[in-house]
Structures are given as structure tokens and as C-alpha cells.
């Protein structure tokens, strides 16, 4: 499955997630449901922007890489 990077303007977070090509996440609530992350103070209806990164522009393990759903920057987990 490809990796997609989503940015939430409401909370300033960018999150990477693995999902099928046919799936599109539109809101923070969609992203949290996909990753198992709590919505926190961000409204579930907050819109997302899918970044045009190809999923591999940000190298996992780099300090600037967004954390995976497990909270790590690089892992062997099966997110998706």
C-alpha cells in the first residue's frame, strides 16, 4: 500500500498513513479513525490537505519526518 502524507491546517500537523489508492481521507476525524489516534482538541470535521509528496519524499527516520501512527519516525509496524 502507498504512503500518503496529510496536513491539517487547523492543528498544523502532518501525518503519514498507509492506505489503498482508492481511499481518500477528507477530515481530521477520517485520519484519526485510520491511524487510531485521538482527535484531541481538533474538530473531527476539520479538513485535510493531501500533500503531493508521492509518499516517499520524506524519508522515514529523518528528524523532519512526521511520526507514524505508532508515534515512531521509522518502524516495522503494519500501519494500514
N, C-alpha and C. Protein backbone atom coordinates (compact mmCIF):
# COMPACT_ATOMS: atom_id res chain seq x y z
N UNK A 1 0.83 -1.18 0.00
CA UNK A 1 0.00 0.00 0.00
C UNK A 1 0.88 1.25 0.00
N UNK A 2 0.45 2.27 -0.72
CA UNK A 2 1.24 3.52 -0.74
C UNK A 2 1.11 4.30 0.56
N UNK A 3 2.09 5.14 0.79
CA UNK A 3 2.08 6.05 1.93
C UNK A 3 1.61 7.41 1.44
N UNK A 4 0.71 8.02 2.19
CA UNK A 4 0.21 9.35 1.87
C UNK A 4 0.47 10.26 3.06
N UNK A 5 0.79 11.50 2.76
CA UNK A 5 1.00 12.50 3.80
C UNK A 5 -0.16 13.48 3.77
N UNK A 6 -0.80 13.67 4.92
CA UNK A 6 -1.93 14.59 5.06
C UNK A 6 -1.55 15.69 6.04
N UNK A 7 -1.97 16.91 5.71
CA UNK A 7 -1.72 18.05 6.60
C UNK A 7 -3.06 18.62 7.05
N UNK A 8 -3.16 18.90 8.35
CA UNK A 8 -4.35 19.51 8.91
C UNK A 8 -4.03 20.96 9.25
N UNK A 9 -4.57 21.93 8.48
CA UNK A 9 -4.30 23.33 8.78
C UNK A 9 -4.80 23.77 10.16
N UNK A 10 -5.85 23.12 10.66
CA UNK A 10 -6.40 23.52 11.96
C UNK A 10 -5.44 23.29 13.12
N UNK A 11 -4.65 22.20 13.04
CA UNK A 11 -3.72 21.93 14.14
C UNK A 11 -2.25 21.96 13.71
N UNK A 12 -2.00 22.16 12.43
CA UNK A 12 -0.64 22.28 11.93
C UNK A 12 0.12 20.98 11.82
N UNK A 13 -0.55 19.85 12.02
CA UNK A 13 0.13 18.55 11.99
C UNK A 13 0.13 17.95 10.60
N UNK A 14 1.21 17.25 10.28
CA UNK A 14 1.31 16.46 9.07
C UNK A 14 1.51 15.02 9.52
N UNK A 15 0.68 14.13 8.99
CA UNK A 15 0.70 12.72 9.39
C UNK A 15 0.81 11.86 8.15
N UNK A 16 1.67 10.86 8.20
CA UNK A 16 1.79 9.87 7.12
C UNK A 16 0.95 8.66 7.47
N UNK A 17 0.30 8.11 6.46
CA UNK A 17 -0.55 6.94 6.68
C UNK A 17 -0.52 6.06 5.43
N UNK A 18 -0.59 4.76 5.64
CA UNK A 18 -0.67 3.81 4.53
C UNK A 18 -2.12 3.47 4.31
N UNK A 19 -2.56 3.55 3.05
CA UNK A 19 -3.90 3.08 2.70
C UNK A 19 -3.96 2.82 1.21
N UNK A 20 -5.03 2.17 0.77
CA UNK A 20 -5.17 1.83 -0.64
C UNK A 20 -5.31 3.09 -1.50
N UNK A 21 -5.02 2.95 -2.76
CA UNK A 21 -5.09 4.06 -3.70
C UNK A 21 -6.51 4.61 -3.80
N UNK A 22 -7.49 3.75 -3.66
CA UNK A 22 -8.89 4.17 -3.81
C UNK A 22 -9.43 4.93 -2.60
N UNK A 23 -8.72 4.90 -1.49
CA UNK A 23 -9.19 5.57 -0.27
C UNK A 23 -8.69 7.01 -0.25
N UNK A 24 -9.53 7.92 0.18
CA UNK A 24 -9.14 9.33 0.35
C UNK A 24 -9.67 9.81 1.69
N UNK A 25 -8.81 10.37 2.49
CA UNK A 25 -9.19 10.89 3.80
C UNK A 25 -9.45 12.38 3.66
N UNK A 26 -10.63 12.85 4.06
CA UNK A 26 -11.02 14.24 3.86
C UNK A 26 -10.98 15.08 5.13
N UNK A 27 -11.11 14.44 6.30
CA UNK A 27 -11.19 15.20 7.55
C UNK A 27 -10.22 14.65 8.59
N UNK A 28 -9.97 15.46 9.61
CA UNK A 28 -9.13 15.03 10.73
C UNK A 28 -9.71 13.78 11.38
N UNK A 29 -11.03 13.71 11.48
CA UNK A 29 -11.68 12.53 12.04
C UNK A 29 -11.42 11.29 11.21
N UNK A 30 -11.45 11.42 9.86
CA UNK A 30 -11.12 10.30 8.98
C UNK A 30 -9.70 9.81 9.24
N UNK A 31 -8.77 10.76 9.35
CA UNK A 31 -7.37 10.41 9.57
C UNK A 31 -7.18 9.73 10.92
N UNK A 32 -7.83 10.26 11.95
CA UNK A 32 -7.71 9.65 13.27
C UNK A 32 -8.31 8.25 13.31
N UNK A 33 -9.42 8.05 12.60
CA UNK A 33 -10.01 6.71 12.53
C UNK A 33 -9.08 5.74 11.82
N UNK A 34 -8.39 6.22 10.80
CA UNK A 34 -7.46 5.37 10.04
C UNK A 34 -6.23 5.01 10.85
N UNK A 35 -5.74 5.94 11.67
CA UNK A 35 -4.50 5.73 12.41
C UNK A 35 -4.70 5.26 13.85
N UNK A 36 -5.94 5.38 14.36
CA UNK A 36 -6.19 5.02 15.75
C UNK A 36 -5.79 6.12 16.72
N UNK A 37 -5.50 7.29 16.19
CA UNK A 37 -5.10 8.43 17.00
C UNK A 37 -6.33 9.16 17.53
N UNK A 38 -6.24 9.74 18.71
CA UNK A 38 -7.35 10.53 19.26
C UNK A 38 -7.43 11.86 18.54
N UNK A 39 -8.64 12.40 18.37
CA UNK A 39 -8.80 13.68 17.69
C UNK A 39 -8.28 14.84 18.53
N UNK A 40 -8.24 14.67 19.83
CA UNK A 40 -7.75 15.72 20.70
C UNK A 40 -8.64 16.95 20.63
N UNK A 41 -8.04 18.13 20.62
CA UNK A 41 -8.78 19.38 20.59
C UNK A 41 -9.21 19.79 19.19
N UNK A 42 -8.75 19.06 18.17
CA UNK A 42 -9.08 19.40 16.79
C UNK A 42 -10.45 18.82 16.43
N UNK A 43 -11.35 19.63 15.87
CA UNK A 43 -12.66 19.11 15.48
C UNK A 43 -12.52 17.98 14.45
N UNK A 44 -13.30 16.93 14.62
CA UNK A 44 -13.24 15.80 13.70
C UNK A 44 -13.56 16.22 12.27
N UNK A 45 -14.35 17.28 12.08
CA UNK A 45 -14.73 17.75 10.74
C UNK A 45 -13.68 18.66 10.11
N UNK A 46 -12.56 18.93 10.81
CA UNK A 46 -11.52 19.79 10.24
C UNK A 46 -11.00 19.18 8.94
N UNK A 47 -10.92 19.97 7.88
CA UNK A 47 -10.48 19.43 6.58
C UNK A 47 -8.99 19.12 6.56
N UNK A 48 -8.64 18.17 5.69
CA UNK A 48 -7.24 17.79 5.47
C UNK A 48 -6.81 18.19 4.07
N UNK A 49 -5.53 18.38 3.91
CA UNK A 49 -4.92 18.55 2.59
C UNK A 49 -4.00 17.36 2.38
N UNK A 50 -4.21 16.61 1.29
CA UNK A 50 -3.27 15.53 0.98
C UNK A 50 -2.10 16.18 0.25
N UNK A 51 -0.91 15.99 0.78
CA UNK A 51 0.28 16.61 0.22
C UNK A 51 0.76 15.84 -1.00
N UNK A 52 1.31 16.56 -1.93
CA UNK A 52 1.84 15.93 -3.14
C UNK A 52 3.29 15.58 -2.87
N UNK A 53 3.48 14.48 -2.17
CA UNK A 53 4.82 14.05 -1.81
C UNK A 53 5.16 12.72 -2.46
N UNK A 54 4.18 12.05 -3.03
CA UNK A 54 4.43 10.73 -3.57
C UNK A 54 4.65 9.73 -2.47
N UNK A 55 4.53 10.17 -1.25
CA UNK A 55 4.66 9.28 -0.11
C UNK A 55 6.07 8.90 0.23
N UNK A 56 7.03 9.23 -0.63
CA UNK A 56 8.41 8.81 -0.37
C UNK A 56 9.38 9.97 -0.39
N UNK A 57 8.91 11.20 -0.48
CA UNK A 57 9.80 12.35 -0.48
C UNK A 57 10.39 12.57 0.90
N UNK A 58 9.56 12.39 1.93
CA UNK A 58 10.04 12.49 3.30
C UNK A 58 10.58 11.13 3.69
N UNK A 59 11.87 11.05 3.95
CA UNK A 59 12.50 9.78 4.27
C UNK A 59 12.24 9.42 5.72
N UNK A 60 11.71 8.25 5.94
CA UNK A 60 11.45 7.78 7.30
C UNK A 60 12.76 7.75 8.08
N UNK A 61 12.71 8.18 9.28
CA UNK A 61 13.88 8.20 10.13
C UNK A 61 14.55 9.56 10.20
N UNK A 62 14.29 10.44 9.19
CA UNK A 62 14.83 11.79 9.26
C UNK A 62 14.17 12.53 10.41
N UNK A 63 14.89 13.45 11.00
CA UNK A 63 14.33 14.23 12.11
C UNK A 63 13.09 15.00 11.68
N UNK A 64 13.02 15.39 10.40
CA UNK A 64 11.88 16.16 9.92
C UNK A 64 10.70 15.28 9.49
N UNK A 65 10.88 13.97 9.47
CA UNK A 65 9.82 13.07 9.04
C UNK A 65 8.68 13.07 10.05
N UNK A 66 7.43 13.09 9.57
CA UNK A 66 6.31 13.03 10.51
C UNK A 66 6.27 11.66 11.18
N UNK A 67 5.73 11.63 12.36
CA UNK A 67 5.63 10.38 13.10
C UNK A 67 4.58 9.46 12.46
N UNK A 68 4.85 8.19 12.50
CA UNK A 68 3.89 7.18 12.05
C UNK A 68 2.79 7.07 13.11
N UNK A 69 1.70 6.38 12.80
CA UNK A 69 0.61 6.25 13.78
C UNK A 69 1.05 5.67 15.12
N UNK A 70 2.12 4.88 15.11
CA UNK A 70 2.60 4.29 16.36
C UNK A 70 3.42 5.29 17.17
N UNK A 71 3.69 6.48 16.58
CA UNK A 71 4.45 7.50 17.27
C UNK A 71 5.93 7.51 16.93
N UNK A 72 6.38 6.53 16.15
CA UNK A 72 7.79 6.45 15.78
C UNK A 72 8.01 7.10 14.41
N UNK A 73 9.22 7.50 14.15
CA UNK A 73 9.55 8.08 12.85
C UNK A 73 9.92 7.00 11.85
N UNK A 74 10.34 5.87 12.33
CA UNK A 74 10.65 4.73 11.48
C UNK A 74 10.30 3.48 12.27
N UNK A 75 9.67 2.53 11.61
CA UNK A 75 9.25 1.35 12.35
C UNK A 75 9.02 0.18 11.41
N UNK A 76 8.73 -0.96 11.97
CA UNK A 76 8.39 -2.14 11.19
C UNK A 76 6.94 -2.53 11.36
N UNK A 77 6.16 -1.62 11.91
CA UNK A 77 4.73 -1.89 12.13
C UNK A 77 3.99 -1.97 10.81
N UNK A 78 2.84 -2.59 10.83
CA UNK A 78 1.99 -2.69 9.63
C UNK A 78 0.84 -1.72 9.77
N UNK A 79 1.08 -0.45 9.50
CA UNK A 79 0.03 0.56 9.59
C UNK A 79 -0.81 0.48 8.34
N UNK A 80 -2.07 0.25 8.47
CA UNK A 80 -2.87 0.27 7.27
C UNK A 80 -3.97 -0.70 7.36
